Amino acid sequence: MYPKTNDMLFMQPVSMEAKLENEHRSRISEIEEQSLLVEIPMRGGRMSRLRLGEELSVYHMTEDGIKYYFTSHVLGYHDDSIPLMRISKPLPEEISKIQRRHYLRVPAKVEIAVLAPEFHFTAITSDLSGGGLSFTSPHEHDLHMNQEVDGWILLAFKSGSIDHVQFSGEVLRVKEPGTGLNTVSVHFSRIADAERQKVIRYCFERQLDFRNR
């Protein structure tokens, strides 16, 4: 679960837009009791000194493709023969495991737009993950299994930033709970990796909120 010395870390500053070109890479040099000493992060082939207090969304990956996510923040710098950056060390319960092709699903009420050739409408999700979402839909919108839809998701992050994530999806299930609404489950069939990372980051923030209650 915990990263080890010499493990590679992939960092996304929360203040930056969640795009692949904003991802920073670093390697763990030393593990302290309450912090990690890492090499100065690299972005686009250049060293990048992140500002003190910067909140980070971090993950490291094992050889079998399992990603471990956690949040951290910059504590300071250690300028010796090799300049290092000190970041906060997560507690075990703050680390989230996501296996390849398996994504953390959390309860989430976020606004989405659903677009199909016959209609378009907005709805509120009941849950969300990096692989898909569920929402309720009025009966007049006749969604059916295996139908392809396009859409966007409105995500509001703790940092105050707001993103619109575009996706294409396939309807997996349509359930009728007897309330005049259908519960619809959609699998993301096409979504840019940078867009999926925004959804994963949002889900991770939601999971931390639940744990801290």
N, C-alpha and C. Protein backbone atom coordinates (compact mmCIF):
# COMPACT_ATOMS: atom_id res chain seq x y z
N MET A 1 0.83 -1.21 0.00
CA MET A 1 0.00 0.00 0.00
C MET A 1 0.86 1.26 0.00
N TYR A 2 1.77 1.36 0.99
CA TYR A 2 2.64 2.52 1.04
C TYR A 2 3.69 2.46 -0.07
N PRO A 3 4.00 3.58 -0.69
CA PRO A 3 5.11 3.58 -1.64
C PRO A 3 6.42 3.34 -0.91
N LYS A 4 7.40 2.87 -1.63
CA LYS A 4 8.71 2.55 -1.05
C LYS A 4 9.77 3.48 -1.62
N THR A 5 10.92 3.49 -0.98
CA THR A 5 12.06 4.26 -1.48
C THR A 5 12.36 3.86 -2.92
N ASN A 6 12.59 4.84 -3.75
CA ASN A 6 12.86 4.69 -5.19
C ASN A 6 11.61 4.47 -6.04
N ASP A 7 10.44 4.37 -5.41
CA ASP A 7 9.21 4.29 -6.19
C ASP A 7 8.95 5.62 -6.90
N MET A 8 8.35 5.54 -8.08
CA MET A 8 7.98 6.73 -8.83
C MET A 8 6.60 7.21 -8.37
N LEU A 9 6.49 8.52 -8.14
CA LEU A 9 5.21 9.14 -7.80
C LEU A 9 4.75 10.02 -8.94
N PHE A 10 3.46 10.02 -9.19
CA PHE A 10 2.85 10.87 -10.21
C PHE A 10 1.96 11.87 -9.48
N MET A 11 2.25 13.16 -9.64
CA MET A 11 1.58 14.20 -8.86
C MET A 11 0.81 15.14 -9.78
N GLN A 12 -0.40 15.51 -9.32
CA GLN A 12 -1.20 16.50 -10.03
C GLN A 12 -1.53 17.62 -9.04
N PRO A 13 -0.91 18.81 -9.16
CA PRO A 13 -1.29 19.91 -8.28
C PRO A 13 -2.78 20.23 -8.44
N VAL A 14 -3.49 20.29 -7.33
CA VAL A 14 -4.93 20.52 -7.37
C VAL A 14 -5.25 21.88 -8.00
N SER A 15 -4.35 22.84 -7.87
CA SER A 15 -4.61 24.18 -8.41
C SER A 15 -4.52 24.21 -9.94
N MET A 16 -3.95 23.17 -10.54
CA MET A 16 -3.81 23.12 -12.00
C MET A 16 -4.93 22.31 -12.61
N GLU A 17 -5.25 22.62 -13.86
CA GLU A 17 -6.25 21.86 -14.58
C GLU A 17 -5.76 20.42 -14.76
N ALA A 18 -6.70 19.47 -14.60
CA ALA A 18 -6.32 18.05 -14.65
C ALA A 18 -6.07 17.59 -16.07
N LYS A 19 -4.90 17.94 -16.58
CA LYS A 19 -4.50 17.52 -17.91
C LYS A 19 -3.19 16.75 -17.81
N LEU A 20 -2.96 15.88 -18.79
CA LEU A 20 -1.76 15.05 -18.76
C LEU A 20 -0.49 15.90 -18.73
N GLU A 21 -0.50 17.04 -19.44
CA GLU A 21 0.70 17.87 -19.49
C GLU A 21 1.00 18.55 -18.16
N ASN A 22 0.04 18.54 -17.22
CA ASN A 22 0.27 19.12 -15.90
C ASN A 22 0.72 18.09 -14.87
N GLU A 23 0.86 16.84 -15.29
CA GLU A 23 1.30 15.80 -14.36
C GLU A 23 2.80 15.93 -14.08
N HIS A 24 3.16 15.85 -12.82
CA HIS A 24 4.56 15.91 -12.38
C HIS A 24 5.01 14.52 -11.96
N ARG A 25 6.27 14.23 -12.22
CA ARG A 25 6.83 12.94 -11.83
C ARG A 25 8.00 13.15 -10.88
N SER A 26 8.06 12.28 -9.89
CA SER A 26 9.14 12.38 -8.91
C SER A 26 9.45 10.99 -8.39
N ARG A 27 10.59 10.85 -7.73
CA ARG A 27 10.98 9.56 -7.16
C ARG A 27 11.25 9.74 -5.67
N ILE A 28 10.82 8.78 -4.87
CA ILE A 28 11.00 8.87 -3.42
C ILE A 28 12.47 8.62 -3.08
N SER A 29 13.05 9.55 -2.35
CA SER A 29 14.44 9.42 -1.92
C SER A 29 14.54 8.88 -0.50
N GLU A 30 13.61 9.31 0.36
CA GLU A 30 13.67 8.89 1.77
C GLU A 30 12.28 8.96 2.37
N ILE A 31 11.96 8.02 3.25
CA ILE A 31 10.66 8.00 3.93
C ILE A 31 10.89 8.34 5.40
N GLU A 32 10.27 9.44 5.84
CA GLU A 32 10.37 9.86 7.23
C GLU A 32 9.10 9.46 7.97
N GLU A 33 9.08 9.75 9.28
CA GLU A 33 7.94 9.31 10.09
C GLU A 33 6.63 9.96 9.63
N GLN A 34 6.66 11.24 9.29
CA GLN A 34 5.44 11.94 8.91
C GLN A 34 5.52 12.60 7.54
N SER A 35 6.54 12.31 6.79
CA SER A 35 6.68 12.95 5.48
C SER A 35 7.48 12.06 4.54
N LEU A 36 7.46 12.44 3.28
CA LEU A 36 8.24 11.77 2.24
C LEU A 36 9.18 12.79 1.63
N LEU A 37 10.45 12.44 1.49
CA LEU A 37 11.41 13.26 0.78
C LEU A 37 11.52 12.73 -0.64
N VAL A 38 11.21 13.59 -1.60
CA VAL A 38 11.19 13.16 -3.00
C VAL A 38 12.09 14.07 -3.82
N GLU A 39 12.53 13.56 -4.97
CA GLU A 39 13.30 14.40 -5.88
C GLU A 39 12.43 15.55 -6.39
N ILE A 40 13.06 16.65 -6.77
CA ILE A 40 12.30 17.78 -7.30
C ILE A 40 11.48 17.28 -8.50
N PRO A 41 10.16 17.50 -8.48
CA PRO A 41 9.33 16.94 -9.56
C PRO A 41 9.72 17.46 -10.94
N MET A 42 9.49 16.62 -11.92
CA MET A 42 9.74 16.97 -13.32
C MET A 42 8.41 17.11 -14.04
N ARG A 43 8.32 18.14 -14.88
CA ARG A 43 7.15 18.31 -15.74
C ARG A 43 7.61 18.76 -17.10
N GLY A 44 7.27 17.98 -18.12
CA GLY A 44 7.70 18.32 -19.47
C GLY A 44 9.21 18.33 -19.62
N GLY A 45 9.91 17.46 -18.88
CA GLY A 45 11.36 17.39 -18.97
C GLY A 45 12.10 18.43 -18.17
N ARG A 46 11.38 19.26 -17.41
CA ARG A 46 12.02 20.31 -16.61
C ARG A 46 11.65 20.17 -15.14
N MET A 47 12.59 20.56 -14.26
CA MET A 47 12.33 20.54 -12.83
C MET A 47 11.31 21.62 -12.50
N SER A 48 10.42 21.30 -11.56
CA SER A 48 9.35 22.22 -11.20
C SER A 48 9.26 22.33 -9.68
N ARG A 49 9.58 23.50 -9.15
CA ARG A 49 9.48 23.72 -7.70
C ARG A 49 8.07 24.18 -7.37
N LEU A 50 7.30 23.30 -6.76
CA LEU A 50 5.93 23.62 -6.39
C LEU A 50 5.92 24.50 -5.15
N ARG A 51 4.91 25.34 -5.04
CA ARG A 51 4.90 26.29 -3.93
C ARG A 51 4.53 25.60 -2.61
N LEU A 52 5.00 26.17 -1.51
CA LEU A 52 4.72 25.63 -0.19
C LEU A 52 3.22 25.58 0.05
N GLY A 53 2.77 24.49 0.63
CA GLY A 53 1.35 24.34 0.92
C GLY A 53 0.52 23.83 -0.25
N GLU A 54 1.13 23.69 -1.43
CA GLU A 54 0.38 23.22 -2.60
C GLU A 54 -0.23 21.85 -2.33
N GLU A 55 -1.53 21.72 -2.57
CA GLU A 55 -2.20 20.43 -2.40
C GLU A 55 -1.98 19.58 -3.64
N LEU A 56 -1.71 18.30 -3.42
CA LEU A 56 -1.36 17.39 -4.50
C LEU A 56 -2.26 16.17 -4.51
N SER A 57 -2.67 15.75 -5.69
CA SER A 57 -3.30 14.44 -5.88
C SER A 57 -2.21 13.52 -6.40
N VAL A 58 -1.89 12.47 -5.66
CA VAL A 58 -0.70 11.65 -5.92
C VAL A 58 -1.11 10.19 -6.12
N TYR A 59 -0.42 9.51 -7.02
CA TYR A 59 -0.58 8.06 -7.09
C TYR A 59 0.75 7.42 -7.43
N HIS A 60 0.89 6.15 -7.04
CA HIS A 60 2.00 5.33 -7.51
C HIS A 60 1.41 4.02 -7.99
N MET A 61 2.11 3.32 -8.86
CA MET A 61 1.58 2.13 -9.50
C MET A 61 2.48 0.94 -9.23
N THR A 62 1.87 -0.21 -8.91
CA THR A 62 2.62 -1.44 -8.72
C THR A 62 2.84 -2.14 -10.06
N GLU A 63 3.68 -3.16 -10.06
CA GLU A 63 4.00 -3.86 -11.31
C GLU A 63 2.79 -4.56 -11.91
N ASP A 64 1.81 -4.94 -11.07
CA ASP A 64 0.63 -5.63 -11.59
C ASP A 64 -0.50 -4.67 -11.95
N GLY A 65 -0.18 -3.38 -12.04
CA GLY A 65 -1.14 -2.41 -12.56
C GLY A 65 -2.08 -1.81 -11.55
N ILE A 66 -1.85 -2.01 -10.25
CA ILE A 66 -2.71 -1.42 -9.23
C ILE A 66 -2.20 -0.02 -8.89
N LYS A 67 -3.11 0.95 -8.93
CA LYS A 67 -2.76 2.33 -8.57
C LYS A 67 -3.21 2.61 -7.14
N TYR A 68 -2.35 3.26 -6.38
CA TYR A 68 -2.67 3.71 -5.03
C TYR A 68 -2.69 5.23 -5.01
N TYR A 69 -3.85 5.80 -4.73
CA TYR A 69 -4.04 7.26 -4.74
C TYR A 69 -4.05 7.80 -3.31
N PHE A 70 -3.53 9.00 -3.14
CA PHE A 70 -3.67 9.72 -1.88
C PHE A 70 -3.47 11.20 -2.15
N THR A 71 -3.92 12.02 -1.21
CA THR A 71 -3.68 13.45 -1.31
C THR A 71 -2.53 13.82 -0.37
N SER A 72 -1.81 14.86 -0.73
CA SER A 72 -0.66 15.31 0.04
C SER A 72 -0.52 16.81 -0.15
N HIS A 73 0.48 17.39 0.49
CA HIS A 73 0.77 18.80 0.23
C HIS A 73 2.26 19.06 0.48
N VAL A 74 2.75 20.10 -0.13
CA VAL A 74 4.18 20.43 -0.07
C VAL A 74 4.51 21.04 1.29
N LEU A 75 5.46 20.42 2.00
CA LEU A 75 5.87 20.91 3.32
C LEU A 75 7.09 21.81 3.25
N GLY A 76 7.95 21.61 2.25
CA GLY A 76 9.16 22.42 2.17
C GLY A 76 10.19 21.76 1.27
N TYR A 77 11.41 22.32 1.33
CA TYR A 77 12.49 21.81 0.48
C TYR A 77 13.71 21.52 1.33
N HIS A 78 14.49 20.56 0.90
CA HIS A 78 15.70 20.14 1.60
C HIS A 78 16.85 20.26 0.60
N ASP A 79 17.57 21.36 0.69
CA ASP A 79 18.64 21.65 -0.27
C ASP A 79 19.98 21.16 0.26
N ASP A 80 20.38 19.99 -0.19
CA ASP A 80 21.66 19.41 0.19
C ASP A 80 22.43 19.16 -1.10
N SER A 81 23.24 18.13 -1.14
CA SER A 81 23.95 17.82 -2.38
C SER A 81 22.97 17.51 -3.50
N ILE A 82 21.85 16.88 -3.13
CA ILE A 82 20.76 16.64 -4.08
C ILE A 82 19.52 17.36 -3.55
N PRO A 83 18.99 18.36 -4.27
CA PRO A 83 17.80 19.07 -3.77
C PRO A 83 16.59 18.14 -3.74
N LEU A 84 15.87 18.20 -2.63
CA LEU A 84 14.70 17.35 -2.44
C LEU A 84 13.50 18.18 -1.99
N MET A 85 12.31 17.64 -2.22
CA MET A 85 11.08 18.28 -1.78
C MET A 85 10.45 17.38 -0.71
N ARG A 86 9.93 17.99 0.34
CA ARG A 86 9.28 17.23 1.42
C ARG A 86 7.77 17.39 1.27
N ILE A 87 7.04 16.24 1.21
CA ILE A 87 5.58 16.27 1.14
C ILE A 87 5.01 15.46 2.30
N SER A 88 3.77 15.73 2.65
CA SER A 88 3.15 15.04 3.78
C SER A 88 2.91 13.57 3.44
N LYS A 89 3.04 12.74 4.46
CA LYS A 89 2.86 11.29 4.32
C LYS A 89 1.42 10.93 4.68
N PRO A 90 0.71 10.21 3.84
CA PRO A 90 -0.69 9.90 4.14
C PRO A 90 -0.83 8.85 5.23
N LEU A 91 -1.97 8.88 5.92
CA LEU A 91 -2.32 7.80 6.84
C LEU A 91 -2.81 6.61 6.01
N PRO A 92 -2.72 5.39 6.56
CA PRO A 92 -3.15 4.21 5.79
C PRO A 92 -4.58 4.31 5.28
N GLU A 93 -5.49 4.87 6.11
CA GLU A 93 -6.89 4.96 5.69
C GLU A 93 -7.14 6.04 4.64
N GLU A 94 -6.12 6.84 4.34
CA GLU A 94 -6.26 7.88 3.33
C GLU A 94 -5.76 7.43 1.95
N ILE A 95 -5.33 6.19 1.85
CA ILE A 95 -4.83 5.65 0.58
C ILE A 95 -5.92 4.81 -0.06
N SER A 96 -6.18 5.07 -1.32
CA SER A 96 -7.24 4.37 -2.04
C SER A 96 -6.63 3.51 -3.14
N LYS A 97 -7.06 2.24 -3.20
CA LYS A 97 -6.55 1.31 -4.22
C LYS A 97 -7.49 1.25 -5.40
N ILE A 98 -6.95 1.40 -6.60
CA ILE A 98 -7.73 1.27 -7.82
C ILE A 98 -7.01 0.31 -8.75
N GLN A 99 -7.63 -0.82 -9.03
CA GLN A 99 -7.03 -1.79 -9.93
C GLN A 99 -7.26 -1.38 -11.37
N ARG A 100 -6.40 -1.86 -12.25
CA ARG A 100 -6.55 -1.59 -13.67
C ARG A 100 -7.93 -2.05 -14.13
N ARG A 101 -8.62 -1.19 -14.88
CA ARG A 101 -9.98 -1.42 -15.37
C ARG A 101 -11.00 -1.55 -14.25
N HIS A 102 -10.67 -1.15 -13.05
CA HIS A 102 -11.63 -1.14 -11.96
C HIS A 102 -11.49 0.19 -11.24
N TYR A 103 -12.60 0.88 -11.07
CA TYR A 103 -12.54 2.23 -10.55
C TYR A 103 -13.40 2.37 -9.30
N LEU A 104 -12.91 3.20 -8.41
CA LEU A 104 -13.63 3.49 -7.17
C LEU A 104 -14.97 4.15 -7.50
N ARG A 105 -16.06 3.57 -6.98
CA ARG A 105 -17.41 4.13 -7.19
C ARG A 105 -17.89 4.73 -5.87
N VAL A 106 -18.37 5.96 -5.92
CA VAL A 106 -18.83 6.64 -4.71
C VAL A 106 -20.21 7.24 -4.94
N PRO A 107 -21.02 7.37 -3.88
CA PRO A 107 -22.28 8.11 -4.02
C PRO A 107 -21.96 9.57 -4.34
N ALA A 108 -22.61 10.12 -5.33
CA ALA A 108 -22.32 11.49 -5.73
C ALA A 108 -23.51 12.08 -6.47
N LYS A 109 -23.91 13.28 -6.07
CA LYS A 109 -24.99 13.99 -6.74
C LYS A 109 -24.37 15.15 -7.51
N VAL A 110 -24.08 14.91 -8.78
CA VAL A 110 -23.52 15.94 -9.65
C VAL A 110 -24.40 16.07 -10.89
N GLU A 111 -24.39 17.24 -11.48
CA GLU A 111 -25.24 17.47 -12.65
C GLU A 111 -24.58 16.92 -13.90
N ILE A 112 -25.38 16.28 -14.74
CA ILE A 112 -24.90 15.80 -16.03
C ILE A 112 -25.87 16.22 -17.12
N ALA A 113 -25.39 16.28 -18.33
CA ALA A 113 -26.23 16.44 -19.52
C ALA A 113 -26.12 15.17 -20.32
N VAL A 114 -27.25 14.67 -20.81
CA VAL A 114 -27.29 13.44 -21.61
C VAL A 114 -27.82 13.81 -22.99
N LEU A 115 -27.07 13.43 -24.02
CA LEU A 115 -27.41 13.79 -25.39
C LEU A 115 -27.58 12.53 -26.23
N ALA A 116 -28.71 12.44 -26.93
CA ALA A 116 -28.98 11.35 -27.87
C ALA A 116 -29.64 11.99 -29.10
N PRO A 117 -29.67 11.28 -30.23
CA PRO A 117 -30.28 11.88 -31.43
C PRO A 117 -31.72 12.33 -31.23
N GLU A 118 -32.49 11.62 -30.37
CA GLU A 118 -33.91 11.91 -30.21
C GLU A 118 -34.19 12.98 -29.15
N PHE A 119 -33.27 13.21 -28.23
CA PHE A 119 -33.56 14.12 -27.12
C PHE A 119 -32.27 14.51 -26.42
N HIS A 120 -32.38 15.49 -25.55
CA HIS A 120 -31.31 15.80 -24.61
C HIS A 120 -31.95 16.34 -23.34
N PHE A 121 -31.29 16.09 -22.21
CA PHE A 121 -31.84 16.53 -20.93
C PHE A 121 -30.72 16.57 -19.91
N THR A 122 -30.98 17.20 -18.78
CA THR A 122 -30.04 17.20 -17.65
C THR A 122 -30.58 16.31 -16.55
N ALA A 123 -29.69 15.80 -15.73
CA ALA A 123 -30.08 14.90 -14.64
C ALA A 123 -29.06 15.02 -13.53
N ILE A 124 -29.34 14.36 -12.41
CA ILE A 124 -28.43 14.32 -11.26
C ILE A 124 -28.01 12.88 -11.03
N THR A 125 -26.72 12.66 -10.90
CA THR A 125 -26.22 11.30 -10.70
C THR A 125 -26.54 10.81 -9.29
N SER A 126 -26.58 9.50 -9.14
CA SER A 126 -26.67 8.88 -7.83
C SER A 126 -25.33 8.31 -7.39
N ASP A 127 -24.50 7.90 -8.36
CA ASP A 127 -23.13 7.48 -8.05
C ASP A 127 -22.25 7.73 -9.27
N LEU A 128 -20.95 7.67 -9.03
CA LEU A 128 -19.99 8.05 -10.07
C LEU A 128 -18.70 7.29 -9.86
N SER A 129 -18.03 6.94 -10.97
CA SER A 129 -16.71 6.32 -10.91
C SER A 129 -15.95 6.69 -12.17
N GLY A 130 -14.67 6.30 -12.22
CA GLY A 130 -13.89 6.54 -13.42
C GLY A 130 -14.33 5.71 -14.59
N GLY A 131 -15.21 4.72 -14.35
CA GLY A 131 -15.68 3.85 -15.42
C GLY A 131 -17.10 4.10 -15.86
N GLY A 132 -17.86 4.92 -15.10
CA GLY A 132 -19.24 5.17 -15.49
C GLY A 132 -20.01 5.87 -14.39
N LEU A 133 -21.34 5.91 -14.54
CA LEU A 133 -22.19 6.61 -13.59
C LEU A 133 -23.61 6.05 -13.65
N SER A 134 -24.41 6.42 -12.64
CA SER A 134 -25.83 6.10 -12.63
C SER A 134 -26.61 7.38 -12.36
N PHE A 135 -27.82 7.47 -12.90
CA PHE A 135 -28.67 8.63 -12.69
C PHE A 135 -30.12 8.23 -12.85
N THR A 136 -31.03 9.10 -12.43
CA THR A 136 -32.46 8.87 -12.63
C THR A 136 -32.95 9.71 -13.78
N SER A 137 -33.88 9.13 -14.56
CA SER A 137 -34.37 9.78 -15.78
C SER A 137 -35.89 9.64 -15.84
N PRO A 138 -36.60 10.72 -16.21
CA PRO A 138 -38.06 10.60 -16.38
C PRO A 138 -38.40 9.61 -17.49
N HIS A 139 -39.61 9.00 -17.39
CA HIS A 139 -40.02 7.98 -18.35
C HIS A 139 -40.09 8.50 -19.78
N GLU A 140 -40.34 9.82 -19.95
CA GLU A 140 -40.51 10.30 -21.32
C GLU A 140 -39.21 10.24 -22.14
N HIS A 141 -38.08 10.08 -21.48
CA HIS A 141 -36.83 9.89 -22.19
C HIS A 141 -36.57 8.38 -22.29
N ASP A 142 -36.85 7.83 -23.44
CA ASP A 142 -36.88 6.37 -23.61
C ASP A 142 -35.47 5.83 -23.84
N LEU A 143 -34.73 5.66 -22.75
CA LEU A 143 -33.41 5.06 -22.83
C LEU A 143 -33.53 3.55 -22.74
N HIS A 144 -32.67 2.84 -23.43
CA HIS A 144 -32.74 1.39 -23.43
C HIS A 144 -31.33 0.81 -23.39
N MET A 145 -31.23 -0.47 -23.03
CA MET A 145 -29.93 -1.12 -22.92
C MET A 145 -29.18 -1.08 -24.25
N ASN A 146 -27.86 -0.91 -24.15
CA ASN A 146 -26.92 -0.87 -25.28
C ASN A 146 -27.03 0.41 -26.11
N GLN A 147 -27.86 1.34 -25.68
CA GLN A 147 -27.96 2.62 -26.40
C GLN A 147 -26.71 3.45 -26.16
N GLU A 148 -26.22 4.11 -27.20
CA GLU A 148 -25.07 5.00 -27.09
C GLU A 148 -25.55 6.42 -26.81
N VAL A 149 -24.94 7.07 -25.84
CA VAL A 149 -25.28 8.46 -25.52
C VAL A 149 -23.98 9.26 -25.37
N ASP A 150 -24.08 10.55 -25.55
CA ASP A 150 -22.99 11.47 -25.27
C ASP A 150 -23.40 12.34 -24.09
N GLY A 151 -22.43 13.01 -23.49
CA GLY A 151 -22.79 13.87 -22.38
C GLY A 151 -21.61 14.58 -21.77
N TRP A 152 -21.91 15.34 -20.73
CA TRP A 152 -20.86 15.97 -19.94
C TRP A 152 -21.25 15.93 -18.47
N ILE A 153 -20.25 16.00 -17.62
CA ILE A 153 -20.43 15.95 -16.17
C ILE A 153 -19.88 17.24 -15.58
N LEU A 154 -20.62 17.86 -14.68
CA LEU A 154 -20.17 19.07 -14.01
C LEU A 154 -19.55 18.69 -12.67
N LEU A 155 -18.24 18.92 -12.53
CA LEU A 155 -17.51 18.54 -11.32
C LEU A 155 -17.00 19.78 -10.60
N ALA A 156 -17.33 19.91 -9.33
CA ALA A 156 -16.84 21.02 -8.50
C ALA A 156 -15.87 20.44 -7.46
N PHE A 157 -14.60 20.85 -7.53
CA PHE A 157 -13.58 20.31 -6.64
C PHE A 157 -13.43 21.16 -5.39
N LYS A 158 -12.80 20.57 -4.37
CA LYS A 158 -12.60 21.26 -3.10
C LYS A 158 -11.76 22.52 -3.25
N SER A 159 -10.91 22.55 -4.27
CA SER A 159 -10.06 23.71 -4.51
C SER A 159 -10.85 24.90 -5.01
N GLY A 160 -12.12 24.68 -5.39
CA GLY A 160 -12.94 25.74 -5.96
C GLY A 160 -13.03 25.71 -7.47
N SER A 161 -12.20 24.88 -8.11
CA SER A 161 -12.23 24.78 -9.57
C SER A 161 -13.43 23.95 -10.02
N ILE A 162 -13.94 24.28 -11.21
CA ILE A 162 -15.09 23.58 -11.79
C ILE A 162 -14.70 23.10 -13.18
N ASP A 163 -15.02 21.84 -13.49
CA ASP A 163 -14.69 21.25 -14.78
C ASP A 163 -15.92 20.63 -15.41
N HIS A 164 -15.99 20.70 -16.73
CA HIS A 164 -17.00 19.98 -17.51
C HIS A 164 -16.29 18.82 -18.22
N VAL A 165 -16.63 17.61 -17.85
CA VAL A 165 -15.99 16.41 -18.40
C VAL A 165 -16.89 15.82 -19.48
N GLN A 166 -16.37 15.71 -20.68
CA GLN A 166 -17.14 15.13 -21.77
C GLN A 166 -16.91 13.63 -21.85
N PHE A 167 -17.96 12.90 -22.25
CA PHE A 167 -17.86 11.45 -22.37
C PHE A 167 -18.85 10.93 -23.40
N SER A 168 -18.59 9.75 -23.90
CA SER A 168 -19.57 8.95 -24.63
C SER A 168 -19.74 7.66 -23.85
N GLY A 169 -20.98 7.16 -23.79
CA GLY A 169 -21.22 6.00 -22.97
C GLY A 169 -22.25 5.06 -23.56
N GLU A 170 -22.32 3.88 -22.97
CA GLU A 170 -23.28 2.86 -23.36
C GLU A 170 -24.17 2.55 -22.17
N VAL A 171 -25.48 2.54 -22.40
CA VAL A 171 -26.43 2.23 -21.34
C VAL A 171 -26.34 0.74 -21.02
N LEU A 172 -26.01 0.41 -19.76
CA LEU A 172 -25.88 -0.98 -19.34
C LEU A 172 -27.18 -1.53 -18.77
N ARG A 173 -27.88 -0.70 -17.97
CA ARG A 173 -29.10 -1.15 -17.30
C ARG A 173 -30.09 -0.01 -17.20
N VAL A 174 -31.37 -0.35 -17.26
CA VAL A 174 -32.46 0.60 -17.01
C VAL A 174 -33.42 -0.07 -16.05
N LYS A 175 -33.55 0.46 -14.85
CA LYS A 175 -34.45 -0.11 -13.83
C LYS A 175 -35.58 0.87 -13.57
N GLU A 176 -36.77 0.34 -13.29
CA GLU A 176 -37.93 1.15 -12.97
C GLU A 176 -38.27 0.96 -11.49
N PRO A 177 -37.94 1.96 -10.65
CA PRO A 177 -38.18 1.80 -9.22
C PRO A 177 -39.61 2.07 -8.78
N GLY A 178 -40.53 2.36 -9.73
CA GLY A 178 -41.92 2.60 -9.37
C GLY A 178 -42.19 4.00 -8.88
N THR A 179 -41.33 4.94 -9.21
CA THR A 179 -41.51 6.33 -8.77
C THR A 179 -41.73 7.28 -9.94
N GLY A 180 -41.96 6.74 -11.13
CA GLY A 180 -42.07 7.61 -12.30
C GLY A 180 -40.73 7.95 -12.89
N LEU A 181 -39.67 7.36 -12.36
CA LEU A 181 -38.31 7.62 -12.84
C LEU A 181 -37.63 6.29 -13.15
N ASN A 182 -36.74 6.32 -14.10
CA ASN A 182 -35.88 5.17 -14.39
C ASN A 182 -34.51 5.39 -13.78
N THR A 183 -33.91 4.35 -13.23
CA THR A 183 -32.52 4.40 -12.79
C THR A 183 -31.67 3.83 -13.91
N VAL A 184 -30.77 4.66 -14.44
CA VAL A 184 -30.00 4.30 -15.63
C VAL A 184 -28.52 4.20 -15.26
N SER A 185 -27.88 3.10 -15.66
CA SER A 185 -26.44 2.92 -15.46
C SER A 185 -25.74 3.03 -16.80
N VAL A 186 -24.69 3.84 -16.85
CA VAL A 186 -23.95 4.10 -18.09
C VAL A 186 -22.48 3.77 -17.89
N HIS A 187 -21.93 3.04 -18.84
CA HIS A 187 -20.49 2.74 -18.87
C HIS A 187 -19.82 3.68 -19.85
N PHE A 188 -18.69 4.29 -19.43
CA PHE A 188 -17.95 5.18 -20.34
C PHE A 188 -17.31 4.34 -21.44
N SER A 189 -17.77 4.51 -22.66
CA SER A 189 -17.18 3.77 -23.78
C SER A 189 -16.06 4.55 -24.43
N ARG A 190 -16.15 5.88 -24.40
CA ARG A 190 -15.10 6.74 -24.93
C ARG A 190 -14.99 7.96 -24.03
N ILE A 191 -13.79 8.13 -23.46
CA ILE A 191 -13.52 9.29 -22.62
C ILE A 191 -12.01 9.52 -22.63
N ALA A 192 -11.58 10.74 -22.81
CA ALA A 192 -10.14 11.04 -22.84
C ALA A 192 -9.53 10.71 -21.48
N ASP A 193 -8.29 10.22 -21.48
CA ASP A 193 -7.65 9.83 -20.23
C ASP A 193 -7.57 10.99 -19.25
N ALA A 194 -7.26 12.19 -19.75
CA ALA A 194 -7.19 13.36 -18.87
C ALA A 194 -8.55 13.66 -18.25
N GLU A 195 -9.64 13.43 -19.01
CA GLU A 195 -10.98 13.64 -18.48
C GLU A 195 -11.32 12.59 -17.43
N ARG A 196 -10.93 11.34 -17.70
CA ARG A 196 -11.19 10.27 -16.72
C ARG A 196 -10.45 10.55 -15.41
N GLN A 197 -9.23 11.09 -15.51
CA GLN A 197 -8.47 11.40 -14.29
C GLN A 197 -9.18 12.46 -13.45
N LYS A 198 -9.88 13.39 -14.09
CA LYS A 198 -10.67 14.37 -13.33
C LYS A 198 -11.76 13.68 -12.53
N VAL A 199 -12.44 12.72 -13.16
CA VAL A 199 -13.50 11.98 -12.47
C VAL A 199 -12.92 11.19 -11.31
N ILE A 200 -11.79 10.51 -11.53
CA ILE A 200 -11.15 9.72 -10.47
C ILE A 200 -10.75 10.62 -9.31
N ARG A 201 -10.21 11.79 -9.63
CA ARG A 201 -9.81 12.72 -8.58
C ARG A 201 -11.02 13.17 -7.76
N TYR A 202 -12.12 13.46 -8.45
CA TYR A 202 -13.34 13.88 -7.76
C TYR A 202 -13.84 12.76 -6.84
N CYS A 203 -13.84 11.53 -7.33
CA CYS A 203 -14.30 10.39 -6.53
C CYS A 203 -13.42 10.20 -5.31
N PHE A 204 -12.13 10.40 -5.48
CA PHE A 204 -11.21 10.25 -4.36
C PHE A 204 -11.48 11.32 -3.30
N GLU A 205 -11.75 12.56 -3.74
CA GLU A 205 -12.09 13.63 -2.80
C GLU A 205 -13.37 13.27 -2.03
N ARG A 206 -14.35 12.72 -2.73
CA ARG A 206 -15.60 12.34 -2.09
C ARG A 206 -15.36 11.24 -1.05
N GLN A 207 -14.52 10.26 -1.38
CA GLN A 207 -14.25 9.19 -0.44
C GLN A 207 -13.58 9.74 0.82
N LEU A 208 -12.66 10.67 0.68
CA LEU A 208 -12.01 11.26 1.85
C LEU A 208 -13.02 12.04 2.70
N ASP A 209 -13.99 12.70 2.05
CA ASP A 209 -15.03 13.40 2.80
C ASP A 209 -15.82 12.43 3.66
N PHE A 210 -16.19 11.28 3.09
CA PHE A 210 -16.95 10.29 3.84
C PHE A 210 -16.15 9.78 5.03
N ARG A 211 -14.86 9.54 4.82
CA ARG A 211 -14.03 8.99 5.90
C ARG A 211 -13.82 9.99 7.02
N ASN A 212 -13.85 11.29 6.69
CA ASN A 212 -13.58 12.32 7.70
C ASN A 212 -14.82 12.75 8.46
N ARG A 213 -15.98 12.21 8.12
CA ARG A 213 -17.21 12.59 8.82
C ARG A 213 -17.30 11.92 10.18
